[in-house]
Amino acid sequence: MKIELSKSNLQAYWLLTRMHKPIGSLLLLWPMYWALWIASNGRPDVLVFIVFTLGVVLMRSAGCVINDYADRKIDPHVLRTKGRPIASGLVSPREALQLFLVLVLVSFLLVLLMNTLTIYLSFGGVFLAALYPFMKRYTHLPQVFLGMAFGWAVPMVYAAQTNSVPPLAWLLFVATVVWAVVYDTMYAMVDREDDLKIGVKSTAILFGDLDKVFIGFFQCLFFITLLIIGQKAELGIFYSVGLSVAVGFAIYHQLLIKDRLPAKCMTAFLNNSWLGLVVFVGIAADYLFKSSLI
């Protein structure tokens, strides 16, 4: 396997891996950080923190590459995606597969620094990352598979920090999947008209005119799950404040998508990163306050 690098290659690979658009990495990082802080009682292992931060960014990039490879015959027909590197011919499908393998290999080398349980779980993460891009052809629920791929870092980081994956870790995983259905349905609303023309499936198409109702339902389910997590992890006032601010963001997102305008739906999708951040700040502040009292 050989990838010849030039300045133009590097620029194309940078675009292909979406390094210029960090929103995907942030949406992956926040649930992983929620899990890491809860698993460690607010005192994460430094090596685990570094490995998973780098690993999440690399695997998100790998996911973008394999997604564009899978959509190489679809993207040229969608206004928003026709300029992507593979669709526009800047990167060949073969180069994309090579880059995907390199990113996965580097990520796996990082995982080898962790314990055996984490290494075993990593194979599930690669499988989900490779499976997700093809789901939009066979099911209207690709957002669920995206959530599973994005959320797999949760049981993995729990395993790395505690050498176990308790029920609370899986509850955090469920919360991450539900949240992904929320924000990725907003994202799918942007492309709904193009997707209907070319036969691509999504929850935005499945939900139809009830899309806002279903998003609201999953938002409620997400926050109920977070409340249960907070009770089981014995999180206090700072966590509650963080959730309250996050609810405010969720209401704002509903206001943005009320007319289903693509630009507003995209804004709502992007703004979910702030929601994830305030939940993390609530968790981190709670543990910081507790440690200051000890």
Protein backbone atom coordinates (compact mmCIF):
# COMPACT_ATOMS: atom_id res chain seq x y z
CA MET A 1 0.00 0.00 0.00
CA LYS A 2 1.50 3.30 -1.11
CA ILE A 3 0.13 6.81 -0.84
CA GLU A 4 2.21 9.40 -2.67
CA LEU A 5 2.04 12.69 -0.83
CA SER A 6 2.22 16.16 -2.33
CA LYS A 7 0.86 19.48 -1.18
CA SER A 8 -2.27 18.98 -3.26
CA ASN A 9 -2.68 15.42 -1.90
CA LEU A 10 -2.42 16.64 1.67
CA GLN A 11 -4.97 19.39 1.08
CA ALA A 12 -7.37 16.89 -0.48
CA TYR A 13 -6.88 14.41 2.36
CA TRP A 14 -7.43 17.21 4.88
CA LEU A 15 -10.76 17.99 3.23
CA LEU A 16 -11.67 14.32 2.90
CA THR A 17 -11.10 13.67 6.61
CA ARG A 18 -13.14 16.82 7.49
CA MET A 19 -10.34 18.14 9.68
CA HIS A 20 -11.50 21.61 8.65
CA LYS A 21 -14.93 20.85 10.15
CA PRO A 22 -14.40 19.78 13.77
CA ILE A 23 -18.12 19.48 14.60
CA GLY A 24 -18.09 15.71 14.03
CA SER A 25 -15.14 15.22 16.37
CA LEU A 26 -16.80 17.36 19.04
CA LEU A 27 -20.05 15.39 18.86
CA LEU A 28 -17.94 12.26 19.39
CA LEU A 29 -15.75 13.73 22.10
CA TRP A 30 -18.42 15.05 24.47
CA PRO A 31 -20.10 11.69 25.25
CA MET A 32 -16.67 10.07 25.57
CA TYR A 33 -15.68 12.77 28.07
CA TRP A 34 -18.98 12.35 29.95
CA ALA A 35 -18.18 8.65 30.33
CA LEU A 36 -14.52 9.17 31.21
CA TRP A 37 -15.26 11.69 33.96
CA ILE A 38 -18.00 9.54 35.48
CA ALA A 39 -15.94 6.34 35.22
CA SER A 40 -12.99 8.02 36.94
CA ASN A 41 -15.02 10.03 39.49
CA GLY A 42 -13.63 13.17 37.94
CA ARG A 43 -10.00 12.05 37.92
CA PRO A 44 -9.32 10.53 34.49
CA ASP A 45 -6.09 8.71 33.79
CA VAL A 46 -3.90 11.03 31.70
CA LEU A 47 -2.89 8.32 29.22
CA VAL A 48 -6.51 7.24 28.74
CA PHE A 49 -7.50 10.86 28.15
CA ILE A 50 -4.79 11.41 25.54
CA VAL A 51 -5.29 8.09 23.75
CA PHE A 52 -9.05 8.47 23.47
CA THR A 53 -8.95 12.12 22.47
CA LEU A 54 -6.56 11.30 19.63
CA GLY A 55 -8.37 8.06 18.82
CA VAL A 56 -11.76 9.73 18.57
CA VAL A 57 -10.42 12.38 16.17
CA LEU A 58 -8.67 9.76 14.03
CA MET A 59 -11.66 7.41 13.92
CA ARG A 60 -14.02 10.25 13.11
CA SER A 61 -11.71 11.09 10.20
CA ALA A 62 -11.69 7.44 9.14
CA GLY A 63 -15.48 7.44 9.30
CA CYS A 64 -15.65 10.49 7.03
CA VAL A 65 -13.35 8.82 4.51
CA ILE A 66 -15.30 5.55 4.34
CA ASN A 67 -18.57 7.51 4.25
CA ASP A 68 -17.44 9.46 1.19
CA TYR A 69 -16.16 6.26 -0.40
CA ALA A 70 -19.55 4.64 0.11
CA ASP A 71 -21.32 7.75 -1.25
CA ARG A 72 -18.97 8.30 -4.19
CA LYS A 73 -21.80 7.71 -6.69
CA ILE A 74 -24.35 9.68 -4.67
CA ASP A 75 -22.46 12.82 -3.64
CA PRO A 76 -22.10 14.22 -7.20
CA HIS A 77 -25.92 14.47 -7.35
CA VAL A 78 -26.33 16.38 -4.08
CA LEU A 79 -25.68 20.14 -4.13
CA ARG A 80 -24.10 20.20 -0.66
CA THR A 81 -21.72 17.27 -1.32
CA LYS A 82 -20.82 17.40 -5.00
CA GLY A 83 -17.60 19.29 -4.21
CA ARG A 84 -16.25 16.64 -1.82
CA PRO A 85 -12.80 15.26 -2.76
CA ILE A 86 -13.90 11.86 -4.10
CA ALA A 87 -17.02 13.20 -5.81
CA SER A 88 -15.01 15.95 -7.51
CA GLY A 89 -12.12 13.65 -8.48
CA LEU A 90 -9.47 15.15 -6.19
CA VAL A 91 -9.05 11.79 -4.45
CA SER A 92 -9.51 8.40 -6.11
CA PRO A 93 -11.60 5.67 -4.44
CA ARG A 94 -8.45 3.57 -4.07
CA GLU A 95 -6.61 6.39 -2.31
CA ALA A 96 -9.59 6.85 0.00
CA LEU A 97 -9.55 3.19 1.02
CA GLN A 98 -5.80 3.38 1.65
CA LEU A 99 -6.24 6.47 3.79
CA PHE A 100 -9.05 4.79 5.73
CA LEU A 101 -6.81 1.80 6.50
CA VAL A 102 -3.95 4.07 7.60
CA LEU A 103 -6.22 5.99 9.99
CA VAL A 104 -7.68 2.79 11.44
CA LEU A 105 -4.20 1.30 11.86
CA VAL A 106 -2.89 4.36 13.73
CA SER A 107 -5.99 4.33 15.92
CA PHE A 108 -5.46 0.64 16.69
CA LEU A 109 -1.83 1.27 17.62
CA LEU A 110 -3.07 3.81 20.15
CA VAL A 111 -5.58 1.30 21.55
CA LEU A 112 -2.74 -1.19 22.08
CA LEU A 113 -1.60 1.10 24.90
CA MET A 114 -4.79 0.19 26.77
CA ASN A 115 -5.91 -3.00 28.53
CA THR A 116 -7.08 -6.20 26.83
CA LEU A 117 -10.80 -5.52 27.27
CA THR A 118 -10.45 -2.16 25.52
CA ILE A 119 -8.54 -3.78 22.65
CA TYR A 120 -11.30 -6.37 22.18
CA LEU A 121 -13.98 -3.67 22.17
CA SER A 122 -12.08 -1.66 19.55
CA PHE A 123 -12.95 -4.24 16.89
CA GLY A 124 -16.62 -3.43 17.43
CA GLY A 125 -15.84 0.24 16.88
CA VAL A 126 -14.14 -0.41 13.54
CA PHE A 127 -17.02 -2.63 12.44
CA LEU A 128 -19.61 0.06 13.25
CA ALA A 129 -17.56 2.81 11.59
CA ALA A 130 -17.30 0.76 8.39
CA LEU A 131 -20.94 -0.40 8.48
CA TYR A 132 -22.71 2.92 9.04
CA PRO A 133 -22.14 4.57 5.61
CA PHE A 134 -23.91 1.72 3.81
CA MET A 135 -27.00 1.69 6.03
CA LYS A 136 -28.70 4.59 4.24
CA ARG A 137 -29.23 2.25 1.28
CA TYR A 138 -31.00 -0.49 3.22
CA THR A 139 -32.75 1.15 6.17
CA HIS A 140 -34.38 4.43 7.13
CA LEU A 141 -32.44 4.30 10.40
CA PRO A 142 -28.84 5.18 9.45
CA GLN A 143 -28.93 7.77 12.25
CA VAL A 144 -29.24 4.93 14.78
CA PHE A 145 -26.19 3.22 13.32
CA LEU A 146 -24.33 6.55 13.38
CA GLY A 147 -25.20 6.87 17.06
CA MET A 148 -23.89 3.38 17.76
CA ALA A 149 -20.65 4.17 15.91
CA PHE A 150 -20.28 7.54 17.69
CA GLY A 151 -21.24 6.06 21.06
CA TRP A 152 -18.92 3.06 20.99
CA ALA A 153 -16.18 5.19 22.55
CA VAL A 154 -18.29 5.20 25.74
CA PRO A 155 -17.97 1.50 26.70
CA MET A 156 -14.40 1.55 25.38
CA VAL A 157 -13.29 4.44 27.59
CA TYR A 158 -15.05 2.86 30.57
CA ALA A 159 -13.13 -0.34 29.91
CA ALA A 160 -9.87 1.58 29.61
CA GLN A 161 -10.45 3.50 32.84
CA THR A 162 -11.96 0.75 35.02
CA ASN A 163 -11.28 -2.52 33.13
CA SER A 164 -15.04 -3.15 33.15
CA VAL A 165 -18.19 -2.04 31.35
CA PRO A 166 -20.92 -1.70 34.00
CA PRO A 167 -24.62 -1.04 33.29
CA LEU A 168 -24.07 2.71 33.76
CA ALA A 169 -21.68 2.69 30.80
CA TRP A 170 -24.33 1.11 28.59
CA LEU A 171 -26.87 3.67 29.81
CA LEU A 172 -24.48 6.39 28.68
CA PHE A 173 -24.15 4.56 25.38
CA VAL A 174 -27.94 4.58 24.96
CA ALA A 175 -28.04 8.32 25.74
CA THR A 176 -25.40 8.92 23.08
CA VAL A 177 -27.32 6.92 20.47
CA VAL A 178 -30.54 8.79 21.22
CA TRP A 179 -28.76 12.14 21.03
CA ALA A 180 -27.24 11.17 17.67
CA VAL A 181 -30.71 10.37 16.33
CA VAL A 182 -31.76 13.90 17.35
CA TYR A 183 -28.94 15.88 15.80
CA ASP A 184 -28.43 13.69 12.75
CA THR A 185 -32.12 13.83 11.90
CA MET A 186 -31.74 17.62 11.91
CA TYR A 187 -28.76 17.15 9.60
CA ALA A 188 -30.76 14.81 7.33
CA MET A 189 -33.52 17.42 7.07
CA VAL A 190 -31.03 19.59 5.15
CA ASP A 191 -30.69 17.00 2.37
CA ARG A 192 -34.18 15.52 2.47
CA GLU A 193 -35.29 16.75 -0.97
CA ASP A 194 -32.10 15.54 -2.67
CA ASP A 195 -32.24 12.23 -0.77
CA LEU A 196 -35.81 11.61 -1.91
CA LYS A 197 -34.78 12.13 -5.53
CA ILE A 198 -31.83 9.72 -5.41
CA GLY A 199 -33.33 7.10 -3.10
CA VAL A 200 -31.19 7.64 0.01
CA LYS A 201 -32.97 6.76 3.26
CA SER A 202 -32.95 8.62 6.59
CA THR A 203 -35.00 9.20 9.72
CA ALA A 204 -35.93 12.64 8.31
CA ILE A 205 -37.67 10.83 5.44
CA LEU A 206 -39.10 8.11 7.69
CA PHE A 207 -40.61 10.61 10.14
CA GLY A 208 -41.99 12.79 7.32
CA ASP A 209 -44.31 15.55 8.55
CA LEU A 210 -43.87 14.30 12.12
CA ASP A 211 -40.13 14.95 12.06
CA LYS A 212 -40.25 17.75 14.65
CA VAL A 213 -42.49 15.69 16.92
CA PHE A 214 -40.15 12.70 16.79
CA ILE A 215 -37.11 14.91 17.38
CA GLY A 216 -38.88 16.35 20.41
CA PHE A 217 -39.69 12.85 21.66
CA PHE A 218 -36.07 11.75 21.36
CA GLN A 219 -34.87 14.96 23.00
CA CYS A 220 -37.11 14.16 25.99
CA LEU A 221 -35.86 10.56 26.06
CA PHE A 222 -32.28 11.82 25.96
CA PHE A 223 -32.75 14.10 28.96
CA ILE A 224 -34.66 11.46 30.94
CA THR A 225 -31.74 9.09 30.36
CA LEU A 226 -29.28 11.77 31.48
CA LEU A 227 -31.34 12.35 34.65
CA ILE A 228 -31.22 8.63 35.45
CA ILE A 229 -27.45 8.63 34.82
CA GLY A 230 -27.05 11.58 37.16
CA GLN A 231 -28.95 9.77 39.92
CA LYS A 232 -26.98 6.55 39.52
CA ALA A 233 -23.65 8.44 39.41
CA GLU A 234 -24.74 10.58 42.39
CA LEU A 235 -24.17 13.82 40.53
CA GLY A 236 -25.43 17.00 42.16
CA ILE A 237 -26.36 20.62 41.62
CA PHE A 238 -23.76 21.50 38.99
CA TYR A 239 -24.89 18.59 36.83
CA SER A 240 -28.50 19.70 37.23
CA VAL A 241 -27.57 23.22 36.14
CA GLY A 242 -25.72 21.81 33.13
CA LEU A 243 -28.78 19.76 32.13
CA SER A 244 -31.02 22.81 32.55
CA VAL A 245 -28.86 24.83 30.18
CA ALA A 246 -28.82 21.87 27.77
CA VAL A 247 -32.64 21.79 27.82
CA GLY A 248 -32.54 25.46 26.83
CA PHE A 249 -30.38 24.58 23.84
CA ALA A 250 -32.80 21.79 22.87
CA ILE A 251 -35.72 24.23 22.91
CA TYR A 252 -33.67 26.62 20.77
CA HIS A 253 -33.03 23.80 18.29
CA GLN A 254 -36.77 23.17 18.00
CA LEU A 255 -37.30 26.84 17.22
CA LEU A 256 -34.61 26.68 14.54
CA ILE A 257 -36.15 23.71 12.73
CA LYS A 258 -39.79 24.79 13.05
CA ASP A 259 -40.02 25.89 9.40
CA ARG A 260 -37.68 23.12 8.14
CA LEU A 261 -35.45 25.63 6.37
CA PRO A 262 -32.23 23.81 5.40
CA ALA A 263 -29.92 26.56 6.67
CA LYS A 264 -31.71 26.68 10.04
CA CYS A 265 -31.69 22.89 10.31
CA MET A 266 -27.94 22.93 9.71
CA THR A 267 -27.53 25.59 12.40
CA ALA A 268 -29.49 23.42 14.83
CA PHE A 269 -27.27 20.44 14.02
CA LEU A 270 -24.08 22.43 14.55
CA ASN A 271 -25.37 23.97 17.77
CA ASN A 272 -25.70 20.52 19.37
CA SER A 273 -21.98 20.73 20.13
CA TRP A 274 -22.77 23.43 22.70
CA LEU A 275 -25.37 21.16 24.26
CA GLY A 276 -22.79 18.41 24.64
CA LEU A 277 -20.32 20.89 26.11
CA VAL A 278 -22.64 22.19 28.84
CA VAL A 279 -23.49 18.64 29.91
CA PHE A 280 -19.77 17.92 30.20
CA VAL A 281 -19.13 21.15 32.12
CA GLY A 282 -21.88 20.16 34.55
CA ILE A 283 -20.31 16.74 35.12
CA ALA A 284 -16.76 18.09 35.46
CA ALA A 285 -17.83 20.93 37.78
CA ASP A 286 -19.72 18.51 40.00
CA TYR A 287 -16.70 16.27 40.51
CA LEU A 288 -14.41 19.28 40.93
CA PHE A 289 -16.67 20.65 43.65
CA LYS A 290 -16.81 17.30 45.41
CA SER A 291 -13.02 16.92 45.35
CA SER A 292 -12.57 20.41 46.79
CA LEU A 293 -14.67 19.38 49.79
CA ILE A 294 -12.55 16.30 50.53
